[in-house]
Amino acid sequence: MRYLVAIHHPDDYDPSASEDEAMSRDIDALNDEMVAAGVRVFVGGLHRAIRAKSVRALPDGQTQITDGPYLETKEHVAGFWVLEAAGMDEALEWARKAAVACRAPVEVRQFH
C-alpha cells in the first residue's frame, strides 16, 4: 500500500527564518532511513503556495487559471513523501519521524 506523507506549513512560513542546519541534517537522516528501510518511493519539496497556480473547469468547457493555491487556507502542503508501507500504522510511524524532523504538522493519506 502506498501512502502520502505531506508536510504542512503556515502561509507565512519563512524557510530562511525557520530552517537551519540541524533541521536539514534531521531530514537528510530521515530520508536515508526511509531508503534503507525500502519504504521511500518518492520525495519532493514544493515552492511556497503564493507561487502556485490553480486551474478550474468552467461550465462552458473552458478553463480558468488564477494565481495562488486552489483552497483558501492558513496552511499549505510544503513537501511530501510517497511511501510503500505495510499499513497505516507503519505509515504513521514514518509520519511521526517526519513531523519531528520537519518541525511541522504532517498528514498521512493512503492512495487508492
N, C-alpha and C. Protein backbone atom coordinates (compact mmCIF):
# COMPACT_ATOMS: atom_id res chain seq x y z
N MET A 1 0.84 -1.17 0.00
CA MET A 1 0.00 0.00 0.00
C MET A 1 0.89 1.24 0.00
N ARG A 2 0.46 2.22 -0.75
CA ARG A 2 1.23 3.48 -0.82
C ARG A 2 0.51 4.58 -0.04
N TYR A 3 1.33 5.39 0.62
CA TYR A 3 0.81 6.47 1.45
C TYR A 3 1.50 7.78 1.11
N LEU A 4 0.72 8.85 1.15
CA LEU A 4 1.24 10.20 1.04
C LEU A 4 1.49 10.70 2.46
N VAL A 5 2.70 11.16 2.72
CA VAL A 5 3.04 11.79 3.99
C VAL A 5 3.39 13.24 3.63
N ALA A 6 2.47 14.16 3.93
CA ALA A 6 2.59 15.56 3.49
C ALA A 6 2.90 16.48 4.66
N ILE A 7 3.88 17.33 4.48
CA ILE A 7 4.27 18.32 5.48
C ILE A 7 3.47 19.59 5.23
N HIS A 8 2.92 20.19 6.29
CA HIS A 8 2.14 21.42 6.16
C HIS A 8 2.87 22.58 6.83
N HIS A 9 2.89 23.72 6.15
CA HIS A 9 3.46 24.94 6.70
C HIS A 9 2.39 26.02 6.71
N PRO A 10 2.48 26.97 7.64
CA PRO A 10 1.56 28.11 7.59
C PRO A 10 1.88 28.97 6.36
N ASP A 11 0.90 29.70 5.90
CA ASP A 11 1.10 30.53 4.71
C ASP A 11 2.23 31.53 4.86
N ASP A 12 2.48 32.00 6.07
CA ASP A 12 3.54 32.98 6.28
C ASP A 12 4.88 32.34 6.64
N TYR A 13 5.03 31.06 6.38
CA TYR A 13 6.27 30.34 6.69
C TYR A 13 7.44 30.94 5.92
N ASP A 14 8.51 31.19 6.62
CA ASP A 14 9.73 31.75 6.02
C ASP A 14 10.86 30.75 6.22
N PRO A 15 11.24 30.00 5.18
CA PRO A 15 12.28 28.99 5.33
C PRO A 15 13.60 29.56 5.85
N SER A 16 13.93 30.79 5.46
CA SER A 16 15.20 31.36 5.89
C SER A 16 15.22 31.62 7.39
N ALA A 17 14.06 31.81 7.99
CA ALA A 17 14.00 32.06 9.44
C ALA A 17 13.74 30.78 10.23
N SER A 18 13.22 29.74 9.56
CA SER A 18 12.79 28.55 10.28
C SER A 18 13.68 27.32 10.08
N GLU A 19 14.36 27.25 8.96
CA GLU A 19 15.14 26.06 8.63
C GLU A 19 16.62 26.31 8.87
N ASP A 20 17.23 25.43 9.67
CA ASP A 20 18.64 25.57 9.96
C ASP A 20 19.38 24.27 9.60
N GLU A 21 20.68 24.24 9.87
CA GLU A 21 21.48 23.06 9.52
C GLU A 21 21.01 21.82 10.27
N ALA A 22 20.61 21.97 11.52
CA ALA A 22 20.13 20.82 12.30
C ALA A 22 18.89 20.21 11.67
N MET A 23 17.98 21.06 11.22
CA MET A 23 16.76 20.57 10.57
C MET A 23 17.11 19.85 9.27
N SER A 24 18.00 20.42 8.48
CA SER A 24 18.42 19.79 7.23
C SER A 24 19.05 18.43 7.49
N ARG A 25 19.90 18.36 8.52
CA ARG A 25 20.51 17.07 8.87
C ARG A 25 19.45 16.05 9.29
N ASP A 26 18.46 16.49 10.07
CA ASP A 26 17.41 15.58 10.52
C ASP A 26 16.59 15.05 9.35
N ILE A 27 16.28 15.92 8.40
CA ILE A 27 15.51 15.49 7.22
C ILE A 27 16.35 14.56 6.36
N ASP A 28 17.63 14.89 6.16
CA ASP A 28 18.52 14.00 5.39
C ASP A 28 18.63 12.63 6.05
N ALA A 29 18.75 12.60 7.37
CA ALA A 29 18.85 11.34 8.10
C ALA A 29 17.56 10.53 7.95
N LEU A 30 16.41 11.20 8.01
CA LEU A 30 15.14 10.51 7.83
C LEU A 30 15.04 9.94 6.42
N ASN A 31 15.44 10.72 5.42
CA ASN A 31 15.42 10.21 4.04
C ASN A 31 16.32 8.99 3.90
N ASP A 32 17.51 9.04 4.49
CA ASP A 32 18.41 7.89 4.44
C ASP A 32 17.78 6.68 5.11
N GLU A 33 17.12 6.89 6.25
CA GLU A 33 16.47 5.80 6.97
C GLU A 33 15.33 5.19 6.14
N MET A 34 14.56 6.04 5.49
CA MET A 34 13.47 5.55 4.64
C MET A 34 13.99 4.73 3.47
N VAL A 35 15.08 5.20 2.85
CA VAL A 35 15.68 4.46 1.74
C VAL A 35 16.20 3.12 2.22
N ALA A 36 16.91 3.12 3.35
CA ALA A 36 17.46 1.88 3.91
C ALA A 36 16.36 0.88 4.25
N ALA A 37 15.20 1.38 4.71
CA ALA A 37 14.08 0.51 5.05
C ALA A 37 13.30 0.06 3.82
N GLY A 38 13.59 0.68 2.67
CA GLY A 38 12.91 0.30 1.43
C GLY A 38 11.48 0.81 1.32
N VAL A 39 11.14 1.88 2.06
CA VAL A 39 9.77 2.39 2.02
C VAL A 39 9.60 3.62 1.16
N ARG A 40 10.66 4.36 0.92
CA ARG A 40 10.54 5.62 0.18
C ARG A 40 10.41 5.35 -1.31
N VAL A 41 9.31 5.81 -1.89
CA VAL A 41 9.07 5.71 -3.33
C VAL A 41 9.48 7.00 -4.01
N PHE A 42 9.11 8.14 -3.40
CA PHE A 42 9.38 9.45 -3.99
C PHE A 42 9.32 10.48 -2.88
N VAL A 43 10.10 11.54 -3.01
CA VAL A 43 10.07 12.65 -2.07
C VAL A 43 10.19 13.94 -2.86
N GLY A 44 9.52 14.99 -2.40
CA GLY A 44 9.63 16.27 -3.08
C GLY A 44 9.23 17.43 -2.18
N GLY A 45 9.95 18.52 -2.32
CA GLY A 45 9.59 19.76 -1.64
C GLY A 45 8.92 20.67 -2.64
N LEU A 46 8.07 21.53 -2.16
CA LEU A 46 7.32 22.42 -3.03
C LEU A 46 7.67 23.88 -2.75
N HIS A 47 7.57 24.73 -3.77
CA HIS A 47 7.72 26.16 -3.58
C HIS A 47 6.55 26.66 -2.74
N ARG A 48 6.69 27.85 -2.22
CA ARG A 48 5.64 28.44 -1.39
C ARG A 48 4.33 28.54 -2.17
N ALA A 49 3.22 28.41 -1.44
CA ALA A 49 1.88 28.40 -2.06
C ALA A 49 1.59 29.68 -2.83
N ILE A 50 2.20 30.77 -2.44
CA ILE A 50 1.98 32.05 -3.12
C ILE A 50 2.37 31.96 -4.60
N ARG A 51 3.25 31.01 -4.94
CA ARG A 51 3.70 30.86 -6.32
C ARG A 51 2.87 29.85 -7.11
N ALA A 52 1.84 29.29 -6.46
CA ALA A 52 1.00 28.27 -7.11
C ALA A 52 0.08 28.90 -8.14
N LYS A 53 -0.40 28.09 -9.03
CA LYS A 53 -1.45 28.46 -9.99
C LYS A 53 -2.57 27.43 -9.82
N SER A 54 -3.79 27.88 -10.00
CA SER A 54 -4.95 26.99 -9.92
C SER A 54 -5.67 27.00 -11.25
N VAL A 55 -6.14 25.84 -11.66
CA VAL A 55 -6.87 25.69 -12.91
C VAL A 55 -8.25 25.14 -12.58
N ARG A 56 -9.28 25.84 -13.05
CA ARG A 56 -10.66 25.42 -12.80
C ARG A 56 -11.36 25.18 -14.14
N ALA A 57 -12.17 24.12 -14.18
CA ALA A 57 -13.01 23.86 -15.34
C ALA A 57 -14.27 24.72 -15.21
N LEU A 58 -14.62 25.41 -16.28
CA LEU A 58 -15.81 26.26 -16.30
C LEU A 58 -16.96 25.51 -16.97
N PRO A 59 -18.20 25.92 -16.69
CA PRO A 59 -19.36 25.22 -17.26
C PRO A 59 -19.37 25.17 -18.78
N ASP A 60 -18.74 26.14 -19.44
CA ASP A 60 -18.74 26.18 -20.91
C ASP A 60 -17.64 25.31 -21.52
N GLY A 61 -16.92 24.56 -20.68
CA GLY A 61 -15.87 23.68 -21.19
C GLY A 61 -14.50 24.34 -21.23
N GLN A 62 -14.44 25.64 -21.00
CA GLN A 62 -13.17 26.36 -20.96
C GLN A 62 -12.54 26.15 -19.59
N THR A 63 -11.33 26.66 -19.42
CA THR A 63 -10.67 26.62 -18.12
C THR A 63 -10.24 28.01 -17.73
N GLN A 64 -10.09 28.21 -16.44
CA GLN A 64 -9.66 29.50 -15.90
C GLN A 64 -8.43 29.25 -15.02
N ILE A 65 -7.37 30.02 -15.25
CA ILE A 65 -6.15 29.91 -14.45
C ILE A 65 -6.05 31.15 -13.57
N THR A 66 -5.85 30.92 -12.27
CA THR A 66 -5.70 32.02 -11.33
C THR A 66 -4.42 31.83 -10.52
N ASP A 67 -3.93 32.93 -9.96
CA ASP A 67 -2.76 32.87 -9.10
C ASP A 67 -3.14 32.31 -7.74
N GLY A 68 -2.22 31.60 -7.15
CA GLY A 68 -2.39 31.11 -5.79
C GLY A 68 -2.97 29.70 -5.74
N PRO A 69 -2.97 29.15 -4.55
CA PRO A 69 -3.49 27.80 -4.38
C PRO A 69 -5.00 27.74 -4.58
N TYR A 70 -5.49 26.56 -4.84
CA TYR A 70 -6.92 26.35 -5.07
C TYR A 70 -7.74 26.66 -3.83
N LEU A 71 -7.29 26.18 -2.68
CA LEU A 71 -8.03 26.36 -1.44
C LEU A 71 -7.55 27.59 -0.68
N GLU A 72 -8.49 28.27 -0.06
CA GLU A 72 -8.17 29.39 0.82
C GLU A 72 -7.95 28.79 2.21
N THR A 73 -6.70 28.65 2.61
CA THR A 73 -6.39 28.05 3.91
C THR A 73 -5.32 28.86 4.61
N LYS A 74 -5.05 28.51 5.85
CA LYS A 74 -3.98 29.15 6.60
C LYS A 74 -2.70 28.34 6.53
N GLU A 75 -2.80 27.12 5.98
CA GLU A 75 -1.64 26.25 5.81
C GLU A 75 -1.66 25.69 4.40
N HIS A 76 -0.52 25.19 3.97
CA HIS A 76 -0.43 24.57 2.66
C HIS A 76 0.57 23.42 2.70
N VAL A 77 0.52 22.56 1.71
CA VAL A 77 1.47 21.47 1.61
C VAL A 77 2.80 22.05 1.17
N ALA A 78 3.85 21.74 1.93
CA ALA A 78 5.18 22.28 1.64
C ALA A 78 6.09 21.25 1.00
N GLY A 79 5.80 19.99 1.22
CA GLY A 79 6.60 18.91 0.67
C GLY A 79 5.93 17.60 1.04
N PHE A 80 6.47 16.51 0.50
CA PHE A 80 5.80 15.23 0.76
C PHE A 80 6.73 14.06 0.45
N TRP A 81 6.36 12.92 0.99
CA TRP A 81 6.95 11.64 0.65
C TRP A 81 5.83 10.74 0.14
N VAL A 82 6.14 9.87 -0.78
CA VAL A 82 5.27 8.75 -1.13
C VAL A 82 5.99 7.51 -0.61
N LEU A 83 5.31 6.79 0.27
CA LEU A 83 5.92 5.63 0.92
C LEU A 83 5.17 4.36 0.57
N GLU A 84 5.89 3.27 0.50
CA GLU A 84 5.33 1.93 0.36
C GLU A 84 5.39 1.32 1.75
N ALA A 85 4.23 1.17 2.40
CA ALA A 85 4.19 0.68 3.78
C ALA A 85 3.19 -0.47 3.89
N ALA A 86 3.37 -1.30 4.91
CA ALA A 86 2.50 -2.45 5.12
C ALA A 86 1.09 -2.03 5.50
N GLY A 87 0.94 -0.88 6.11
CA GLY A 87 -0.38 -0.41 6.53
C GLY A 87 -0.27 0.97 7.14
N MET A 88 -1.42 1.48 7.58
CA MET A 88 -1.47 2.83 8.15
C MET A 88 -0.58 2.96 9.38
N ASP A 89 -0.51 1.93 10.22
CA ASP A 89 0.32 2.02 11.42
C ASP A 89 1.78 2.27 11.07
N GLU A 90 2.30 1.56 10.06
CA GLU A 90 3.68 1.78 9.64
C GLU A 90 3.85 3.17 9.04
N ALA A 91 2.90 3.59 8.22
CA ALA A 91 2.96 4.93 7.63
C ALA A 91 2.96 6.00 8.71
N LEU A 92 2.18 5.79 9.77
CA LEU A 92 2.13 6.75 10.87
C LEU A 92 3.44 6.80 11.65
N GLU A 93 4.12 5.68 11.76
CA GLU A 93 5.44 5.68 12.41
C GLU A 93 6.41 6.57 11.64
N TRP A 94 6.40 6.47 10.31
CA TRP A 94 7.25 7.33 9.48
C TRP A 94 6.80 8.78 9.60
N ALA A 95 5.49 9.01 9.64
CA ALA A 95 4.97 10.37 9.76
C ALA A 95 5.39 11.01 11.08
N ARG A 96 5.43 10.24 12.15
CA ARG A 96 5.89 10.78 13.44
C ARG A 96 7.33 11.29 13.30
N LYS A 97 8.16 10.50 12.64
CA LYS A 97 9.56 10.90 12.44
C LYS A 97 9.62 12.14 11.54
N ALA A 98 8.75 12.20 10.53
CA ALA A 98 8.73 13.35 9.62
C ALA A 98 8.31 14.63 10.36
N ALA A 99 7.33 14.53 11.23
CA ALA A 99 6.88 15.70 11.98
C ALA A 99 7.99 16.24 12.87
N VAL A 100 8.78 15.33 13.46
CA VAL A 100 9.90 15.75 14.30
C VAL A 100 11.00 16.38 13.45
N ALA A 101 11.38 15.69 12.36
CA ALA A 101 12.47 16.18 11.51
C ALA A 101 12.13 17.51 10.85
N CYS A 102 10.89 17.66 10.39
CA CYS A 102 10.47 18.86 9.67
C CYS A 102 9.96 19.96 10.59
N ARG A 103 9.74 19.60 11.86
CA ARG A 103 9.23 20.57 12.82
C ARG A 103 7.93 21.21 12.33
N ALA A 104 7.04 20.33 11.79
CA ALA A 104 5.79 20.81 11.21
C ALA A 104 4.74 19.70 11.26
N PRO A 105 3.47 20.07 11.18
CA PRO A 105 2.41 19.06 11.13
C PRO A 105 2.53 18.23 9.85
N VAL A 106 2.12 16.97 9.95
CA VAL A 106 2.21 16.05 8.83
C VAL A 106 0.87 15.34 8.67
N GLU A 107 0.42 15.19 7.43
CA GLU A 107 -0.80 14.49 7.11
C GLU A 107 -0.46 13.17 6.42
N VAL A 108 -1.20 12.11 6.73
CA VAL A 108 -0.97 10.80 6.11
C VAL A 108 -2.27 10.37 5.43
N ARG A 109 -2.15 10.02 4.14
CA ARG A 109 -3.32 9.54 3.40
C ARG A 109 -2.90 8.38 2.50
N GLN A 110 -3.75 7.37 2.45
CA GLN A 110 -3.49 6.21 1.60
C GLN A 110 -3.93 6.50 0.18
N PHE A 111 -3.15 6.04 -0.79
CA PHE A 111 -3.54 6.13 -2.19
C PHE A 111 -4.59 5.05 -2.49
N HIS A 112 -5.42 5.32 -3.48
CA HIS A 112 -6.38 4.31 -3.94
C HIS A 112 -5.65 3.20 -4.62
